[in-house]
């Protein structure tokens, strides 16, 4: 049975760093991974529909990022399952995957889908040196995609300060090792 990990958090709070660290550990163990990234699904949709040029997320301008966010919100408004539904179908159809990642959970229904599939949710929060919550300057702080996670209770937490990427990686791997044990117990008793 595939171990499923969803990671949630605001922009620039360590979601990708956590997933990449876990994926690296999984590869070291000779296991197979697959990413089911909602953000990348939105990006590819925008490219396929000529709303954005073929550009990686990390290379997007502020204007391109705004298009990405606006299209993501519009399609979600039309149908809240628009992005997550096909990814869950893809997960169910995928074979020979040891660990599946949903690295960009932003809304309760997305987390609910991951949990319904037997997955685990890790919440990432990044704080400034003064203890205040880090707010990414490249998107509106009160956008639903930034605040929607407040209704989700993660199974595990990674709370770090700006600049503690190595700590994010270590905590993510430690949590993964714990989840792996929980998952093994769960699947042997099921």
C-alpha atoms as a PDB file:
ATOM      1  CA  UNK A   1       0.000   0.000   0.000  1.00  0.00           C
ATOM      2  CA  UNK A   2       1.344   3.402  -1.028  1.00  0.00           C
ATOM      3  CA  UNK A   3       2.391   5.735   1.769  1.00  0.00           C
ATOM      4  CA  UNK A   4       0.812   9.130   1.014  1.00  0.00           C
ATOM      5  CA  UNK A   5       2.185  12.387   2.400  1.00  0.00           C
ATOM      6  CA  UNK A   6       0.489  15.752   1.980  1.00  0.00           C
ATOM      7  CA  UNK A   7       2.328  18.915   2.959  1.00  0.00           C
ATOM      8  CA  UNK A   8       0.570  22.194   3.653  1.00  0.00           C
ATOM      9  CA  UNK A   9       1.657  25.699   4.438  1.00  0.00           C
ATOM     10  CA  UNK A  10       1.756  29.245   3.199  1.00  0.00           C
ATOM     11  CA  UNK A  11       4.024  30.327   0.354  1.00  0.00           C
ATOM     12  CA  UNK A  12       7.739  29.987   1.189  1.00  0.00           C
ATOM     13  CA  UNK A  13       7.107  28.057   4.409  1.00  0.00           C
ATOM     14  CA  UNK A  14       9.197  24.977   3.549  1.00  0.00           C
ATOM     15  CA  UNK A  15       6.765  22.638   1.779  1.00  0.00           C
ATOM     16  CA  UNK A  16       9.057  21.914  -1.164  1.00  0.00           C
ATOM     17  CA  UNK A  17      12.132  21.685   1.056  1.00  0.00           C
ATOM     18  CA  UNK A  18      10.385  19.122   3.280  1.00  0.00           C
ATOM     19  CA  UNK A  19       9.164  17.042   0.334  1.00  0.00           C
ATOM     20  CA  UNK A  20      12.527  17.092  -1.420  1.00  0.00           C
ATOM     21  CA  UNK A  21      14.303  15.948   1.761  1.00  0.00           C
ATOM     22  CA  UNK A  22      11.867  13.075   2.235  1.00  0.00           C
ATOM     23  CA  UNK A  23      12.053  12.135  -1.455  1.00  0.00           C
ATOM     24  CA  UNK A  24      15.834  11.991  -1.226  1.00  0.00           C
ATOM     25  CA  UNK A  25      15.598   9.666   1.789  1.00  0.00           C
ATOM     26  CA  UNK A  26      13.063   7.487  -0.044  1.00  0.00           C
ATOM     27  CA  UNK A  27      15.394   7.201  -3.057  1.00  0.00           C
ATOM     28  CA  UNK A  28      18.284   6.216  -0.754  1.00  0.00           C
ATOM     29  CA  UNK A  29      16.100   3.372   0.468  1.00  0.00           C
ATOM     30  CA  UNK A  30      15.504   2.233  -3.126  1.00  0.00           C
ATOM     31  CA  UNK A  31      11.809   3.105  -3.031  1.00  0.00           C
ATOM     32  CA  UNK A  32       9.788   4.752  -5.805  1.00  0.00           C
ATOM     33  CA  UNK A  33       8.106   8.142  -5.452  1.00  0.00           C
ATOM     34  CA  UNK A  34       5.606  10.192  -7.395  1.00  0.00           C
ATOM     35  CA  UNK A  35       4.575  13.814  -6.911  1.00  0.00           C
ATOM     36  CA  UNK A  36       0.944  14.918  -7.289  1.00  0.00           C
ATOM     37  CA  UNK A  37       1.483  18.681  -7.260  1.00  0.00           C
ATOM     38  CA  UNK A  38      -1.594  20.905  -7.483  1.00  0.00           C
ATOM     39  CA  UNK A  39       0.544  23.978  -8.195  1.00  0.00           C
ATOM     40  CA  UNK A  40       2.241  22.254 -11.090  1.00  0.00           C
ATOM     41  CA  UNK A  41      -1.137  21.085 -12.414  1.00  0.00           C
ATOM     42  CA  UNK A  42      -2.285  24.733 -12.477  1.00  0.00           C
ATOM     43  CA  UNK A  43       0.956  25.794 -14.197  1.00  0.00           C
ATOM     44  CA  UNK A  44       0.612  23.112 -16.895  1.00  0.00           C
ATOM     45  CA  UNK A  45      -3.050  24.030 -17.421  1.00  0.00           C
ATOM     46  CA  UNK A  46      -2.055  27.671 -17.964  1.00  0.00           C
ATOM     47  CA  UNK A  47       0.659  26.671 -20.442  1.00  0.00           C
ATOM     48  CA  UNK A  48      -1.652  24.299 -22.346  1.00  0.00           C
ATOM     49  CA  UNK A  49      -4.283  27.037 -22.592  1.00  0.00           C
ATOM     50  CA  UNK A  50      -1.773  29.697 -23.742  1.00  0.00           C
ATOM     51  CA  UNK A  51      -2.204  31.734 -20.595  1.00  0.00           C
ATOM     52  CA  UNK A  52       1.487  31.406 -19.722  1.00  0.00           C
ATOM     53  CA  UNK A  53       4.607  30.629 -21.723  1.00  0.00           C
ATOM     54  CA  UNK A  54       6.402  27.366 -20.979  1.00  0.00           C
ATOM     55  CA  UNK A  55       8.134  28.469 -17.792  1.00  0.00           C
ATOM     56  CA  UNK A  56       9.143  26.743 -14.569  1.00  0.00           C
ATOM     57  CA  UNK A  57       7.476  27.996 -11.408  1.00  0.00           C
ATOM     58  CA  UNK A  58      10.777  29.186  -9.960  1.00  0.00           C
ATOM     59  CA  UNK A  59      11.390  31.359 -13.049  1.00  0.00           C
ATOM     60  CA  UNK A  60       7.998  33.108 -13.145  1.00  0.00           C
ATOM     61  CA  UNK A  61       7.713  36.867 -13.056  1.00  0.00           C
ATOM     62  CA  UNK A  62       5.321  38.546 -10.634  1.00  0.00           C
ATOM     63  CA  UNK A  63       2.813  39.000 -13.486  1.00  0.00           C
ATOM     64  CA  UNK A  64       3.041  35.312 -14.450  1.00  0.00           C
ATOM     65  CA  UNK A  65       2.627  34.256 -10.839  1.00  0.00           C
ATOM     66  CA  UNK A  66      -0.496  36.413 -10.596  1.00  0.00           C
ATOM     67  CA  UNK A  67      -1.947  34.632 -13.648  1.00  0.00           C
ATOM     68  CA  UNK A  68      -1.158  31.280 -12.059  1.00  0.00           C
ATOM     69  CA  UNK A  69      -2.855  32.240  -8.789  1.00  0.00           C
ATOM     70  CA  UNK A  70      -5.870  33.834 -10.528  1.00  0.00           C
ATOM     71  CA  UNK A  71      -6.479  30.840 -12.807  1.00  0.00           C
ATOM     72  CA  UNK A  72      -6.093  28.455  -9.883  1.00  0.00           C
ATOM     73  CA  UNK A  73      -8.666  30.400  -7.884  1.00  0.00           C
ATOM     74  CA  UNK A  74     -11.098  30.785 -10.797  1.00  0.00           C
ATOM     75  CA  UNK A  75     -11.156  27.076 -11.633  1.00  0.00           C
ATOM     76  CA  UNK A  76     -11.449  26.186  -7.961  1.00  0.00           C
ATOM     77  CA  UNK A  77     -14.371  28.625  -7.640  1.00  0.00           C
ATOM     78  CA  UNK A  78     -16.107  26.891 -10.572  1.00  0.00           C
ATOM     79  CA  UNK A  79     -15.458  23.456  -9.060  1.00  0.00           C
ATOM     80  CA  UNK A  80     -13.521  22.966  -5.816  1.00  0.00           C
ATOM     81  CA  UNK A  81     -12.488  19.494  -7.053  1.00  0.00           C
ATOM     82  CA  UNK A  82     -11.086  20.820 -10.361  1.00  0.00           C
ATOM     83  CA  UNK A  83      -7.430  20.446  -9.348  1.00  0.00           C
ATOM     84  CA  UNK A  84      -7.427  17.775  -6.642  1.00  0.00           C
ATOM     85  CA  UNK A  85      -9.963  15.390  -8.204  1.00  0.00           C
ATOM     86  CA  UNK A  86      -7.847  14.392 -11.214  1.00  0.00           C
ATOM     87  CA  UNK A  87      -4.755  14.057  -9.018  1.00  0.00           C
ATOM     88  CA  UNK A  88      -6.577  11.626  -6.713  1.00  0.00           C
ATOM     89  CA  UNK A  89      -7.721   9.646  -9.774  1.00  0.00           C
ATOM     90  CA  UNK A  90      -4.108   9.576 -10.982  1.00  0.00           C
ATOM     91  CA  UNK A  91      -2.979   8.380  -7.534  1.00  0.00           C
ATOM     92  CA  UNK A  92      -5.519   5.556  -7.563  1.00  0.00           C
ATOM     93  CA  UNK A  93      -4.461   4.496 -11.080  1.00  0.00           C
ATOM     94  CA  UNK A  94      -0.732   4.621 -10.311  1.00  0.00           C
ATOM     95  CA  UNK A  95       1.084   1.344  -9.758  1.00  0.00           C
ATOM     96  CA  UNK A  96       4.337   0.485  -8.012  1.00  0.00           C
ATOM     97  CA  UNK A  97       4.638   3.719  -6.035  1.00  0.00           C
ATOM     98  CA  UNK A  98       6.017   3.403  -2.542  1.00  0.00           C
ATOM     99  CA  UNK A  99       5.579   7.042  -1.479  1.00  0.00           C
ATOM    100  CA  UNK A 100       3.199   9.581  -3.032  1.00  0.00           C
ATOM    101  CA  UNK A 101       3.594  13.289  -2.317  1.00  0.00           C
ATOM    102  CA  UNK A 102       0.963  16.024  -2.393  1.00  0.00           C
ATOM    103  CA  UNK A 103       3.414  18.889  -1.764  1.00  0.00           C
ATOM    104  CA  UNK A 104       1.128  21.881  -2.057  1.00  0.00           C
ATOM    105  CA  UNK A 105      -2.032  21.391  -0.002  1.00  0.00           C
ATOM    106  CA  UNK A 106      -3.809  24.730   0.415  1.00  0.00           C
ATOM    107  CA  UNK A 107      -7.472  23.910   1.106  1.00  0.00           C
ATOM    108  CA  UNK A 108      -9.410  21.672   3.479  1.00  0.00           C
ATOM    109  CA  UNK A 109     -10.985  19.548   0.738  1.00  0.00           C
ATOM    110  CA  UNK A 110      -7.501  18.774  -0.609  1.00  0.00           C
ATOM    111  CA  UNK A 111      -6.314  17.646   2.823  1.00  0.00           C
ATOM    112  CA  UNK A 112      -9.530  15.669   3.263  1.00  0.00           C
ATOM    113  CA  UNK A 113      -8.840  13.765   0.030  1.00  0.00           C
ATOM    114  CA  UNK A 114      -5.313  12.902   1.144  1.00  0.00           C
ATOM    115  CA  UNK A 115      -6.630  11.690   4.518  1.00  0.00           C
ATOM    116  CA  UNK A 116      -9.437   9.670   2.871  1.00  0.00           C
ATOM    117  CA  UNK A 117      -6.783   7.870   0.824  1.00  0.00           C
ATOM    118  CA  UNK A 118      -5.017   6.917   4.057  1.00  0.00           C
ATOM    119  CA  UNK A 119      -2.441   9.686   3.879  1.00  0.00           C
ATOM    120  CA  UNK A 120      -0.688  11.808   6.464  1.00  0.00           C
ATOM    121  CA  UNK A 121      -0.539  15.612   6.567  1.00  0.00           C
ATOM    122  CA  UNK A 122       2.540  17.612   7.555  1.00  0.00           C
ATOM    123  CA  UNK A 123       2.054  21.318   8.269  1.00  0.00           C
ATOM    124  CA  UNK A 124       4.938  23.728   7.653  1.00  0.00           C
ATOM    125  CA  UNK A 125       5.177  27.142   9.292  1.00  0.00           C
ATOM    126  CA  UNK A 126       7.996  29.628   8.917  1.00  0.00           C
ATOM    127  CA  UNK A 127       8.575  32.407  11.404  1.00  0.00           C
ATOM    128  CA  UNK A 128      10.649  35.576  11.305  1.00  0.00           C
ATOM    129  CA  UNK A 129      13.452  36.113  13.803  1.00  0.00           C
ATOM    130  CA  UNK A 130      11.089  38.164  15.987  1.00  0.00           C
ATOM    131  CA  UNK A 131       8.616  35.267  16.193  1.00  0.00           C
ATOM    132  CA  UNK A 132       6.044  36.733  13.815  1.00  0.00           C
ATOM    133  CA  UNK A 133       4.700  34.593  10.992  1.00  0.00           C
ATOM    134  CA  UNK A 134       6.613  34.959   7.720  1.00  0.00           C
ATOM    135  CA  UNK A 135       4.422  36.374   4.935  1.00  0.00           C
ATOM    136  CA  UNK A 136       5.694  35.938   1.382  1.00  0.00           C
ATOM    137  CA  UNK A 137       5.881  39.283  -0.428  1.00  0.00           C
ATOM    138  CA  UNK A 138       4.951  37.757  -3.802  1.00  0.00           C
ATOM    139  CA  UNK A 139       1.233  37.232  -3.097  1.00  0.00           C
ATOM    140  CA  UNK A 140      -1.574  38.787  -1.053  1.00  0.00           C
ATOM    141  CA  UNK A 141      -1.271  37.780   2.601  1.00  0.00           C
ATOM    142  CA  UNK A 142      -5.002  37.250   3.034  1.00  0.00           C
ATOM    143  CA  UNK A 143      -5.627  35.318  -0.191  1.00  0.00           C
ATOM    144  CA  UNK A 144      -7.658  32.154   0.405  1.00  0.00           C
ATOM    145  CA  UNK A 145      -4.757  30.059  -0.906  1.00  0.00           C
ATOM    146  CA  UNK A 146      -2.667  31.513   1.910  1.00  0.00           C
ATOM    147  CA  UNK A 147      -5.246  31.331   4.684  1.00  0.00           C
ATOM    148  CA  UNK A 148      -7.301  28.246   3.786  1.00  0.00           C
ATOM    149  CA  UNK A 149      -5.045  25.959   5.792  1.00  0.00           C
ATOM    150  CA  UNK A 150      -6.199  27.453   9.092  1.00  0.00           C
ATOM    151  CA  UNK A 151      -9.051  24.926   9.145  1.00  0.00           C
ATOM    152  CA  UNK A 152      -6.778  21.912   8.697  1.00  0.00           C
ATOM    153  CA  UNK A 153      -5.195  20.107  11.629  1.00  0.00           C
ATOM    154  CA  UNK A 154      -2.019  18.407  10.387  1.00  0.00           C
ATOM    155  CA  UNK A 155      -0.847  15.084  11.759  1.00  0.00           C
ATOM    156  CA  UNK A 156       2.674  16.515  12.186  1.00  0.00           C
ATOM    157  CA  UNK A 157       4.217  19.982  12.320  1.00  0.00           C
ATOM    158  CA  UNK A 158       7.448  21.553  11.090  1.00  0.00           C
ATOM    159  CA  UNK A 159       7.851  25.006  12.647  1.00  0.00           C
ATOM    160  CA  UNK A 160      11.082  26.824  11.877  1.00  0.00           C
ATOM    161  CA  UNK A 161      12.519  30.299  11.509  1.00  0.00           C
ATOM    162  CA  UNK A 162      13.718  31.939   8.307  1.00  0.00           C
ATOM    163  CA  UNK A 163      17.068  30.500   7.255  1.00  0.00           C
ATOM    164  CA  UNK A 164      16.604  27.126   8.945  1.00  0.00           C
ATOM    165  CA  UNK A 165      16.292  25.061   5.756  1.00  0.00           C
ATOM    166  CA  UNK A 166      18.636  22.372   7.055  1.00  0.00           C
ATOM    167  CA  UNK A 167      16.431  22.016  10.123  1.00  0.00           C
ATOM    168  CA  UNK A 168      13.337  21.742   7.880  1.00  0.00           C
ATOM    169  CA  UNK A 169      15.063  18.890   6.016  1.00  0.00           C
ATOM    170  CA  UNK A 170      16.064  17.070   9.206  1.00  0.00           C
ATOM    171  CA  UNK A 171      12.635  17.432  10.785  1.00  0.00           C
ATOM    172  CA  UNK A 172      10.947  16.265   7.574  1.00  0.00           C
ATOM    173  CA  UNK A 173      13.099  13.127   7.404  1.00  0.00           C
ATOM    174  CA  UNK A 174      12.522  12.411  11.101  1.00  0.00           C
ATOM    175  CA  UNK A 175       8.772  12.775  10.639  1.00  0.00           C
ATOM    176  CA  UNK A 176       8.943  10.547   7.553  1.00  0.00           C
ATOM    177  CA  UNK A 177      10.697   7.799   9.516  1.00  0.00           C
ATOM    178  CA  UNK A 178       7.962   8.015  12.144  1.00  0.00           C
ATOM    179  CA  UNK A 179       5.196   8.002   9.513  1.00  0.00           C
ATOM    180  CA  UNK A 180       6.819   5.011   7.810  1.00  0.00           C
ATOM    181  CA  UNK A 181       6.548   3.062  11.065  1.00  0.00           C
ATOM    182  CA  UNK A 182       2.948   4.175  11.612  1.00  0.00           C
ATOM    183  CA  UNK A 183       2.081   3.247   8.043  1.00  0.00           C
ATOM    184  CA  UNK A 184       3.648  -0.199   8.413  1.00  0.00           C
ATOM    185  CA  UNK A 185       1.647  -0.828  11.604  1.00  0.00           C
ATOM    186  CA  UNK A 186      -1.536   0.446   9.988  1.00  0.00           C
ATOM    187  CA  UNK A 187      -1.189  -1.717   6.868  1.00  0.00           C
ATOM    188  CA  UNK A 188      -0.278  -4.891   8.753  1.00  0.00           C
ATOM    189  CA  UNK A 189      -3.305  -4.599  11.041  1.00  0.00           C
ATOM    190  CA  UNK A 190      -5.719  -3.678   8.234  1.00  0.00           C
END
